[in-house]
N, C-alpha and C. Protein backbone atom coordinates (compact mmCIF):
# COMPACT_ATOMS: atom_id res chain seq x y z
N MET A 1 76.80 101.85 115.65
CA MET A 1 76.88 101.83 117.13
C MET A 1 78.03 102.64 117.63
N LYS A 2 77.72 103.34 118.61
CA LYS A 2 78.79 104.26 119.39
C LYS A 2 79.20 103.67 120.67
N PRO A 3 80.46 103.90 121.19
CA PRO A 3 80.94 103.45 122.38
C PRO A 3 80.12 103.69 123.57
N ASP A 4 79.41 104.96 123.56
CA ASP A 4 78.56 105.09 124.70
C ASP A 4 77.32 104.29 124.75
N GLN A 5 76.95 103.68 123.58
CA GLN A 5 75.82 102.84 123.55
C GLN A 5 76.17 101.23 123.93
N ILE A 6 77.35 101.05 124.23
CA ILE A 6 77.75 99.66 124.70
C ILE A 6 77.89 99.68 126.11
N THR A 7 77.39 98.63 126.79
CA THR A 7 77.51 98.48 128.22
C THR A 7 79.14 98.39 128.55
N PRO A 8 79.55 99.09 129.52
CA PRO A 8 80.93 98.94 129.89
C PRO A 8 81.33 97.55 130.06
N CYS A 9 82.50 97.29 129.39
CA CYS A 9 83.16 95.92 129.43
C CYS A 9 84.59 95.90 129.63
N ASP A 10 85.16 94.77 129.83
CA ASP A 10 86.66 94.63 129.98
C ASP A 10 87.33 94.79 128.68
N VAL A 11 86.91 94.09 127.52
CA VAL A 11 87.67 94.15 126.40
C VAL A 11 86.61 94.33 125.20
N VAL A 12 87.12 94.97 124.15
CA VAL A 12 86.43 95.12 122.89
C VAL A 12 87.25 94.49 121.88
N PHE A 13 86.78 93.57 121.09
CA PHE A 13 87.43 92.91 119.95
C PHE A 13 86.90 93.80 118.66
N ASP A 14 87.76 94.39 117.96
CA ASP A 14 87.25 95.29 116.99
C ASP A 14 87.62 94.56 115.60
N ALA A 15 86.78 94.52 114.66
CA ALA A 15 86.97 93.98 113.33
C ALA A 15 86.58 95.02 112.30
N LEU A 16 86.55 96.36 112.66
CA LEU A 16 86.00 97.37 111.86
C LEU A 16 86.92 97.56 110.55
N PRO A 17 86.40 98.23 109.54
CA PRO A 17 87.25 98.48 108.39
C PRO A 17 88.29 99.52 108.74
N SER A 18 89.47 99.44 108.09
CA SER A 18 90.52 100.43 108.22
C SER A 18 90.10 101.70 108.38
N GLY A 19 90.59 102.40 109.58
CA GLY A 19 90.48 103.86 109.86
C GLY A 19 89.22 104.01 110.61
N GLN A 20 88.53 103.05 111.27
CA GLN A 20 87.37 103.34 112.01
C GLN A 20 87.51 103.28 113.54
N ILE A 21 88.27 102.27 113.95
CA ILE A 21 88.39 102.13 115.49
C ILE A 21 89.27 103.37 116.09
N MET A 22 90.17 103.86 115.25
CA MET A 22 90.96 104.94 115.68
C MET A 22 90.10 106.24 116.10
N LYS A 23 88.85 106.27 115.56
CA LYS A 23 88.02 107.32 115.94
C LYS A 23 87.19 107.12 117.17
N ILE A 24 87.00 106.01 117.50
CA ILE A 24 86.20 105.74 118.75
C ILE A 24 86.97 105.18 119.93
N ALA A 25 88.18 104.80 119.58
CA ALA A 25 89.02 104.28 120.64
C ALA A 25 89.03 104.99 121.97
N PRO A 26 89.28 106.36 121.94
CA PRO A 26 89.46 107.09 123.11
C PRO A 26 88.18 106.86 124.06
N SER A 27 86.98 106.76 123.59
CA SER A 27 85.92 106.61 124.40
C SER A 27 85.83 105.22 125.12
N PHE A 28 86.29 104.25 124.47
CA PHE A 28 86.50 102.90 125.07
C PHE A 28 87.55 103.02 126.13
N LEU A 29 88.73 103.59 125.86
CA LEU A 29 89.74 103.64 126.80
C LEU A 29 89.33 104.46 128.03
N GLU A 30 88.73 105.60 127.83
CA GLU A 30 88.13 106.28 129.03
C GLU A 30 87.26 105.56 129.85
N GLN A 31 86.63 104.52 129.43
CA GLN A 31 85.73 103.57 130.26
C GLN A 31 86.55 102.47 130.97
N GLY A 32 87.90 102.52 130.54
CA GLY A 32 88.89 101.41 131.14
C GLY A 32 88.67 100.12 130.30
N THR A 33 88.14 100.33 129.14
CA THR A 33 88.01 98.99 128.27
C THR A 33 89.31 98.82 127.44
N LYS A 34 89.82 97.56 127.39
CA LYS A 34 90.93 97.33 126.58
C LYS A 34 90.51 97.08 125.14
N ILE A 35 91.31 97.31 124.18
CA ILE A 35 90.88 97.12 122.69
C ILE A 35 91.89 96.25 122.11
N ILE A 36 91.34 95.16 121.44
CA ILE A 36 92.05 94.25 120.60
C ILE A 36 91.66 94.59 119.28
N ASP A 37 92.44 95.10 118.48
CA ASP A 37 92.16 95.54 117.14
C ASP A 37 92.56 94.49 116.19
N LEU A 38 91.43 93.80 115.52
CA LEU A 38 91.78 92.88 114.55
C LEU A 38 92.02 93.43 113.07
N GLY A 39 91.75 94.76 113.01
CA GLY A 39 92.05 95.49 111.75
C GLY A 39 93.47 96.04 111.64
N THR A 40 93.59 97.30 110.95
CA THR A 40 94.80 97.67 110.78
C THR A 40 95.22 98.91 111.25
N ASP A 41 94.39 99.59 112.11
CA ASP A 41 94.58 100.94 112.61
C ASP A 41 95.89 101.13 113.56
N PHE A 42 96.23 100.07 114.19
CA PHE A 42 97.39 100.25 115.14
C PHE A 42 98.50 99.33 114.94
N ARG A 43 98.55 98.68 113.60
CA ARG A 43 99.60 97.77 113.31
C ARG A 43 100.97 98.35 112.94
N LEU A 44 101.02 99.32 112.21
CA LEU A 44 102.35 100.05 111.77
C LEU A 44 102.79 101.04 112.69
N LYS A 45 104.00 101.18 113.12
CA LYS A 45 104.50 102.27 113.93
C LYS A 45 105.15 103.38 113.22
N ASN A 46 105.12 103.33 111.95
CA ASN A 46 105.54 104.44 111.14
C ASN A 46 104.48 105.07 110.45
N LYS A 47 104.09 106.35 110.82
CA LYS A 47 102.95 107.07 110.25
C LYS A 47 102.89 107.17 108.90
N ALA A 48 104.07 107.53 108.31
CA ALA A 48 104.10 107.64 106.79
C ALA A 48 103.81 106.30 106.04
N ASP A 49 104.29 105.33 106.57
CA ASP A 49 104.04 104.02 106.06
C ASP A 49 102.53 103.61 106.11
N TRP A 50 102.05 103.80 107.35
CA TRP A 50 100.55 103.57 107.38
C TRP A 50 99.71 104.55 106.44
N GLU A 51 99.99 105.73 106.46
CA GLU A 51 99.20 106.62 105.64
C GLU A 51 99.30 106.38 104.04
N ASN A 52 100.59 105.89 103.76
CA ASN A 52 100.83 105.53 102.32
C ASN A 52 100.10 104.26 102.00
N LYS A 53 100.25 103.24 102.86
CA LYS A 53 99.56 101.94 102.54
C LYS A 53 98.12 101.98 102.66
N TYR A 54 97.43 102.78 103.41
CA TYR A 54 95.93 102.78 103.56
C TYR A 54 95.32 103.94 102.91
N ASP A 55 96.20 104.75 102.38
CA ASP A 55 95.82 105.95 101.57
C ASP A 55 94.75 106.84 102.29
N LYS A 56 95.07 107.14 103.50
CA LYS A 56 94.27 108.08 104.34
C LYS A 56 95.01 108.59 105.40
N LYS A 57 94.58 109.70 106.09
CA LYS A 57 95.27 110.28 107.15
C LYS A 57 94.96 109.50 108.50
N HIS A 58 95.86 109.20 109.30
CA HIS A 58 95.69 108.59 110.61
C HIS A 58 95.11 109.56 111.56
N GLU A 59 93.94 109.48 112.14
CA GLU A 59 93.54 110.45 112.93
C GLU A 59 93.70 110.41 114.50
N ASN A 60 94.50 109.41 114.86
CA ASN A 60 94.78 109.26 116.34
C ASN A 60 96.08 108.66 116.60
N TRP A 61 97.13 109.24 116.05
CA TRP A 61 98.45 108.51 116.07
C TRP A 61 99.03 108.33 117.47
N SER A 62 98.74 109.13 118.43
CA SER A 62 99.28 108.74 119.80
C SER A 62 98.92 107.57 120.30
N LEU A 63 97.69 107.00 119.86
CA LEU A 63 97.27 105.54 120.37
C LEU A 63 98.10 104.50 119.78
N VAL A 64 98.56 104.81 118.37
CA VAL A 64 99.44 103.89 117.79
C VAL A 64 100.75 103.64 118.54
N GLU A 65 101.24 104.75 119.20
CA GLU A 65 102.50 104.74 119.83
C GLU A 65 102.35 103.89 121.03
N GLU A 66 101.02 103.88 121.63
CA GLU A 66 100.85 103.11 122.86
C GLU A 66 100.50 101.65 122.54
N ALA A 67 100.08 101.37 121.47
CA ALA A 67 99.60 99.97 121.12
C ALA A 67 100.69 98.96 120.98
N VAL A 68 100.36 97.66 121.56
CA VAL A 68 101.25 96.71 121.43
C VAL A 68 101.06 95.72 120.28
N TYR A 69 101.97 95.42 119.45
CA TYR A 69 101.88 94.48 118.20
C TYR A 69 101.78 93.07 118.82
N GLU A 70 100.66 92.40 118.57
CA GLU A 70 100.32 91.18 119.39
C GLU A 70 100.86 90.04 118.70
N ILE A 71 102.03 89.65 118.78
CA ILE A 71 102.57 88.24 118.50
C ILE A 71 102.90 87.72 120.03
N THR A 72 101.99 86.90 120.47
CA THR A 72 102.12 86.49 121.88
C THR A 72 103.51 85.97 122.26
N GLU A 73 103.98 85.12 121.33
CA GLU A 73 105.26 84.37 121.51
C GLU A 73 106.31 85.45 121.76
N LEU A 74 106.30 86.66 121.27
CA LEU A 74 107.34 87.67 121.23
C LEU A 74 107.13 88.77 122.20
N HIS A 75 105.77 89.10 122.58
CA HIS A 75 105.49 90.35 123.26
C HIS A 75 104.52 89.89 124.46
N ARG A 76 104.64 88.66 125.05
CA ARG A 76 103.78 88.23 126.09
C ARG A 76 103.63 89.37 127.30
N VAL A 77 104.81 89.86 127.72
CA VAL A 77 104.72 90.72 128.93
C VAL A 77 104.08 92.00 128.55
N GLU A 78 104.38 92.62 127.36
CA GLU A 78 103.91 93.79 127.03
C GLU A 78 102.35 93.82 126.76
N ILE A 79 102.03 92.62 126.17
CA ILE A 79 100.46 92.46 126.03
C ILE A 79 99.71 92.46 127.19
N ARG A 80 100.22 91.83 128.33
CA ARG A 80 99.53 91.80 129.58
C ARG A 80 99.14 93.18 130.15
N LYS A 81 100.11 94.19 129.90
CA LYS A 81 99.95 95.51 130.35
C LYS A 81 99.22 96.45 129.36
N ALA A 82 99.07 95.91 128.22
CA ALA A 82 98.45 96.89 127.10
C ALA A 82 97.05 97.21 127.20
N ARG A 83 96.82 98.51 126.79
CA ARG A 83 95.34 98.99 126.81
C ARG A 83 94.89 98.77 125.35
N ILE A 84 95.71 98.75 124.37
CA ILE A 84 95.51 98.53 122.94
C ILE A 84 96.35 97.45 122.46
N ILE A 85 95.83 96.37 121.83
CA ILE A 85 96.55 95.36 121.25
C ILE A 85 96.25 95.33 119.77
N ALA A 86 97.46 95.45 119.01
CA ALA A 86 97.19 95.42 117.46
C ALA A 86 97.46 94.14 116.98
N ASN A 87 96.43 93.42 116.48
CA ASN A 87 96.51 92.02 116.09
C ASN A 87 97.20 91.93 114.64
N PRO A 88 98.27 91.20 114.49
CA PRO A 88 99.01 91.26 113.22
C PRO A 88 98.13 90.48 112.10
N GLY A 89 98.62 90.65 110.86
CA GLY A 89 98.08 89.89 109.67
C GLY A 89 98.58 88.46 109.63
N CYS A 90 97.82 87.56 109.12
CA CYS A 90 98.32 86.12 109.14
C CYS A 90 99.64 85.93 108.48
N TYR A 91 99.88 86.71 107.20
CA TYR A 91 101.21 86.44 106.57
C TYR A 91 102.30 87.07 107.37
N SER A 92 101.99 88.24 108.02
CA SER A 92 102.91 88.81 108.89
C SER A 92 103.45 87.89 110.01
N SER A 93 102.37 87.40 110.78
CA SER A 93 102.56 86.50 111.92
C SER A 93 103.50 85.40 111.53
N ALA A 94 103.09 84.70 110.39
CA ALA A 94 103.91 83.50 109.96
C ALA A 94 105.33 83.86 109.68
N SER A 95 105.40 84.99 108.91
CA SER A 95 106.73 85.37 108.50
C SER A 95 107.68 85.91 109.59
N ILE A 96 107.08 86.71 110.48
CA ILE A 96 108.00 87.04 111.74
C ILE A 96 108.25 85.84 112.63
N LEU A 97 107.28 84.97 112.93
CA LEU A 97 107.55 83.94 113.82
C LEU A 97 108.66 82.83 113.13
N ALA A 98 108.63 82.79 111.82
CA ALA A 98 109.55 81.83 111.12
C ALA A 98 110.96 82.28 111.20
N VAL A 99 111.19 83.62 111.24
CA VAL A 99 112.63 84.09 111.23
C VAL A 99 113.03 84.71 112.46
N ALA A 100 112.14 84.84 113.42
CA ALA A 100 112.47 85.58 114.66
C ALA A 100 113.57 85.07 115.46
N PRO A 101 113.83 83.64 115.54
CA PRO A 101 115.05 83.15 116.23
C PRO A 101 116.31 83.60 115.58
N LEU A 102 116.29 83.56 114.19
CA LEU A 102 117.60 83.83 113.55
C LEU A 102 117.84 85.35 113.66
N VAL A 103 116.87 86.32 113.64
CA VAL A 103 117.17 87.63 113.74
C VAL A 103 117.64 88.01 115.11
N LYS A 104 116.94 87.28 116.13
CA LYS A 104 117.31 87.58 117.53
C LYS A 104 118.72 87.18 117.73
N ALA A 105 119.18 86.04 117.05
CA ALA A 105 120.54 85.67 117.22
C ALA A 105 121.54 86.38 116.33
N ASN A 106 121.06 87.47 115.70
CA ASN A 106 121.85 88.46 114.97
C ASN A 106 122.53 87.76 113.74
N ASN A 107 121.87 86.65 113.20
CA ASN A 107 122.15 86.25 111.97
C ASN A 107 122.10 87.14 110.83
N ARG A 108 122.92 87.19 109.94
CA ARG A 108 122.80 88.10 108.85
C ARG A 108 122.40 87.42 107.53
N PHE A 109 121.48 88.06 106.75
CA PHE A 109 121.10 87.35 105.57
C PHE A 109 121.89 88.03 104.34
N ARG A 110 122.49 87.15 103.52
CA ARG A 110 123.30 87.67 102.49
C ARG A 110 122.96 86.98 101.24
N ASN A 111 123.43 87.69 100.13
CA ASN A 111 123.24 87.11 98.81
C ASN A 111 124.45 86.56 98.12
N HIS A 112 125.45 86.28 99.00
CA HIS A 112 126.90 85.71 98.54
C HIS A 112 126.53 84.25 98.06
N HIS A 113 126.89 83.86 96.80
CA HIS A 113 126.59 82.62 96.34
C HIS A 113 126.85 81.43 97.36
N PRO A 114 127.94 81.32 97.99
CA PRO A 114 128.12 80.15 98.83
C PRO A 114 127.17 80.01 100.02
N GLU A 115 126.76 81.20 100.41
CA GLU A 115 125.90 81.49 101.61
C GLU A 115 124.40 81.10 101.33
N ILE A 116 124.02 81.22 99.99
CA ILE A 116 122.79 80.88 99.76
C ILE A 116 122.58 79.56 98.91
N ALA A 117 123.56 78.83 98.82
CA ALA A 117 123.51 77.47 98.27
C ALA A 117 122.48 76.56 98.85
N ASN A 118 121.77 75.96 98.06
CA ASN A 118 120.61 74.99 98.44
C ASN A 118 119.51 75.76 99.03
N ASN A 119 119.34 76.97 98.71
CA ASN A 119 118.29 77.90 99.16
C ASN A 119 117.60 78.42 97.82
N ILE A 120 116.28 78.80 98.03
CA ILE A 120 115.63 79.23 96.93
C ILE A 120 115.23 80.81 97.31
N VAL A 121 115.59 81.69 96.36
CA VAL A 121 115.41 83.12 96.73
C VAL A 121 114.47 83.73 95.72
N PRO A 122 113.34 84.40 96.08
CA PRO A 122 112.47 84.98 94.99
C PRO A 122 113.14 86.33 94.53
N CYS A 123 113.11 86.48 93.30
CA CYS A 123 113.72 87.82 92.77
C CYS A 123 112.61 88.24 91.64
N ASN A 124 112.80 89.58 91.40
CA ASN A 124 111.97 90.26 90.39
C ASN A 124 110.51 89.95 90.64
N VAL A 125 110.09 90.16 91.81
CA VAL A 125 108.69 89.78 92.19
C VAL A 125 107.59 90.49 91.56
N VAL A 126 107.72 91.64 91.10
CA VAL A 126 106.78 92.47 90.37
C VAL A 126 107.33 92.86 88.94
N ASP A 127 106.54 92.57 88.03
CA ASP A 127 106.82 93.18 86.70
C ASP A 127 108.16 92.62 86.07
N HIS A 128 108.35 91.30 86.16
CA HIS A 128 109.51 90.78 85.57
C HIS A 128 109.58 90.92 84.07
N ARG A 129 110.52 91.28 83.45
CA ARG A 129 110.70 91.59 82.23
C ARG A 129 110.34 90.36 81.17
N HIS A 130 110.46 89.13 81.67
CA HIS A 130 110.18 88.01 80.88
C HIS A 130 108.59 87.66 80.88
N THR A 131 107.77 88.33 81.72
CA THR A 131 106.37 88.24 81.73
C THR A 131 105.76 88.47 80.46
N TYR A 132 106.22 89.60 79.75
CA TYR A 132 105.78 89.99 78.54
C TYR A 132 105.93 88.92 77.51
N GLU A 133 107.04 88.42 77.58
CA GLU A 133 107.57 87.30 76.51
C GLU A 133 106.58 85.99 76.73
N ILE A 134 106.50 85.66 78.04
CA ILE A 134 105.53 84.48 78.32
C ILE A 134 104.14 84.74 77.92
N GLU A 135 103.57 85.91 78.24
CA GLU A 135 102.19 86.31 77.84
C GLU A 135 102.11 86.18 76.29
N GLN A 136 103.17 86.81 75.63
CA GLN A 136 103.05 86.90 74.16
C GLN A 136 103.15 85.44 73.50
N GLY A 137 103.95 84.58 74.12
CA GLY A 137 104.08 83.17 73.61
C GLY A 137 102.82 82.44 73.84
N LEU A 138 102.17 82.63 75.02
CA LEU A 138 100.84 81.91 75.30
C LEU A 138 99.74 82.55 74.51
N ARG A 139 99.78 83.82 74.31
CA ARG A 139 98.69 84.53 73.55
C ARG A 139 98.66 83.95 72.11
N ASN A 140 99.87 83.70 71.60
CA ASN A 140 99.97 83.03 70.25
C ASN A 140 99.26 81.69 70.17
N LEU A 141 99.14 81.11 71.24
CA LEU A 141 98.48 79.72 71.40
C LEU A 141 97.00 79.86 71.68
N SER A 142 96.51 81.03 72.05
CA SER A 142 95.13 81.12 72.60
C SER A 142 94.33 82.13 71.81
N SER A 143 92.97 81.86 71.86
CA SER A 143 92.13 82.79 71.03
C SER A 143 91.66 84.15 71.92
N GLY A 144 92.14 83.97 73.13
CA GLY A 144 91.76 85.17 73.95
C GLY A 144 93.08 85.78 74.67
N GLU A 145 92.72 86.65 75.59
CA GLU A 145 93.85 87.42 76.33
C GLU A 145 94.39 86.37 77.30
N VAL A 146 95.77 86.58 77.58
CA VAL A 146 96.42 85.68 78.47
C VAL A 146 97.15 86.69 79.57
N THR A 147 96.86 86.47 80.81
CA THR A 147 97.56 87.24 81.76
C THR A 147 98.32 86.30 82.70
N VAL A 148 99.57 86.66 82.81
CA VAL A 148 100.49 85.80 83.75
C VAL A 148 101.10 86.48 84.92
N HIS A 149 101.01 85.96 86.08
CA HIS A 149 101.66 86.36 87.25
C HIS A 149 102.92 85.50 87.55
N PHE A 150 104.09 86.23 87.25
CA PHE A 150 105.36 85.54 87.14
C PHE A 150 106.44 86.09 88.07
N THR A 151 106.94 85.23 88.91
CA THR A 151 108.00 85.53 89.90
C THR A 151 108.97 84.56 89.76
N THR A 152 110.20 85.06 89.50
CA THR A 152 111.40 84.05 89.33
C THR A 152 112.03 83.78 90.79
N SER A 153 112.58 82.68 90.80
CA SER A 153 113.37 82.28 92.16
C SER A 153 114.73 81.90 91.61
N TYR A 154 115.69 82.50 92.45
CA TYR A 154 117.06 82.14 92.22
C TYR A 154 117.34 80.82 93.07
N VAL A 155 117.78 79.87 92.26
CA VAL A 155 118.17 78.57 92.85
C VAL A 155 119.64 78.38 92.23
N PRO A 156 120.62 78.34 93.11
CA PRO A 156 122.00 78.23 92.61
C PRO A 156 122.15 77.17 91.55
N ASN A 157 122.60 77.57 90.49
CA ASN A 157 122.99 76.57 89.27
C ASN A 157 121.72 75.66 88.82
N ASN A 158 120.62 76.40 88.78
CA ASN A 158 119.42 75.64 88.38
C ASN A 158 118.24 76.69 88.10
N PRO A 159 118.07 76.91 86.78
CA PRO A 159 116.83 77.71 86.47
C PRO A 159 115.57 76.87 86.85
N TRP A 160 114.69 77.21 87.62
CA TRP A 160 113.58 76.52 88.10
C TRP A 160 112.25 77.30 87.98
N ASN A 161 111.33 76.64 87.40
CA ASN A 161 110.05 77.23 87.27
C ASN A 161 109.02 76.41 88.11
N THR A 162 108.24 77.13 88.83
CA THR A 162 107.05 76.63 89.41
C THR A 162 105.84 77.20 88.73
N CYS A 163 105.07 76.22 88.26
CA CYS A 163 103.83 76.80 87.49
C CYS A 163 102.55 76.46 88.17
N ASN A 164 101.82 77.31 88.70
CA ASN A 164 100.46 76.78 89.24
C ASN A 164 99.38 77.39 88.40
N LEU A 165 98.52 76.55 87.80
CA LEU A 165 97.52 76.95 86.87
C LEU A 165 96.31 76.23 87.09
N PRO A 166 95.16 76.78 87.13
CA PRO A 166 93.85 75.93 86.96
C PRO A 166 93.67 75.50 85.59
N LEU A 167 93.71 74.23 85.43
CA LEU A 167 93.60 73.68 84.06
C LEU A 167 92.30 72.93 83.87
N LEU A 168 91.90 73.05 82.60
CA LEU A 168 90.82 72.12 82.24
C LEU A 168 91.45 70.94 81.52
N PRO A 169 90.77 69.74 81.49
CA PRO A 169 91.40 68.62 80.86
C PRO A 169 91.54 68.78 79.38
N HIS A 170 92.78 68.62 78.84
CA HIS A 170 92.85 68.70 77.38
C HIS A 170 93.98 67.64 76.99
N PRO A 171 93.63 66.46 77.23
CA PRO A 171 94.61 65.32 77.00
C PRO A 171 95.03 65.16 75.53
N GLU A 172 94.11 65.68 74.62
CA GLU A 172 94.42 65.43 73.23
C GLU A 172 95.59 66.46 72.66
N TYR A 173 95.97 67.47 73.47
CA TYR A 173 97.01 68.39 73.17
C TYR A 173 98.41 67.63 73.21
N TYR A 174 98.47 66.67 74.17
CA TYR A 174 99.77 66.03 74.27
C TYR A 174 99.78 64.66 73.75
N THR A 175 98.75 64.16 73.04
CA THR A 175 98.80 62.83 72.49
C THR A 175 99.60 62.76 71.15
N GLY A 176 100.08 61.66 70.80
CA GLY A 176 100.91 61.48 69.56
C GLY A 176 102.08 62.27 69.33
């Protein structure tokens, strides 16, 4: 469907695949239609980041500069005036809203031991060196391939593992 095939309306909610709404957005805007992009075309304000993440060239960057990132609690006034609203992702929304008051108050986040006491800090999120040891140790117990997704967390004075696994019942393994 093309914008000129749509009866003029006040707002278009777009859930197109990445890279699609940017191509037809000007037609909607010329009709006076606001765009709420549920996709990714207008979320990131750094062009290099967008093109790197989505592995394509952004074809209408001037519209990104105009778009308002829609976290209503933080951008209510700007959203009311916007022609293009970039809807954030769910994890992004939750993360930004969770720490926004601290960031706004200019709190600084540090790794100094006394300042992170009683906190859990993920570290070595990707490709931890012990992943290979864990896979090897479990592979020795298995008749097949074992793949582990392993992220450590720094908990002051406490090595702590959280293991989430879908398990089949094997009560005999632990008996006796």
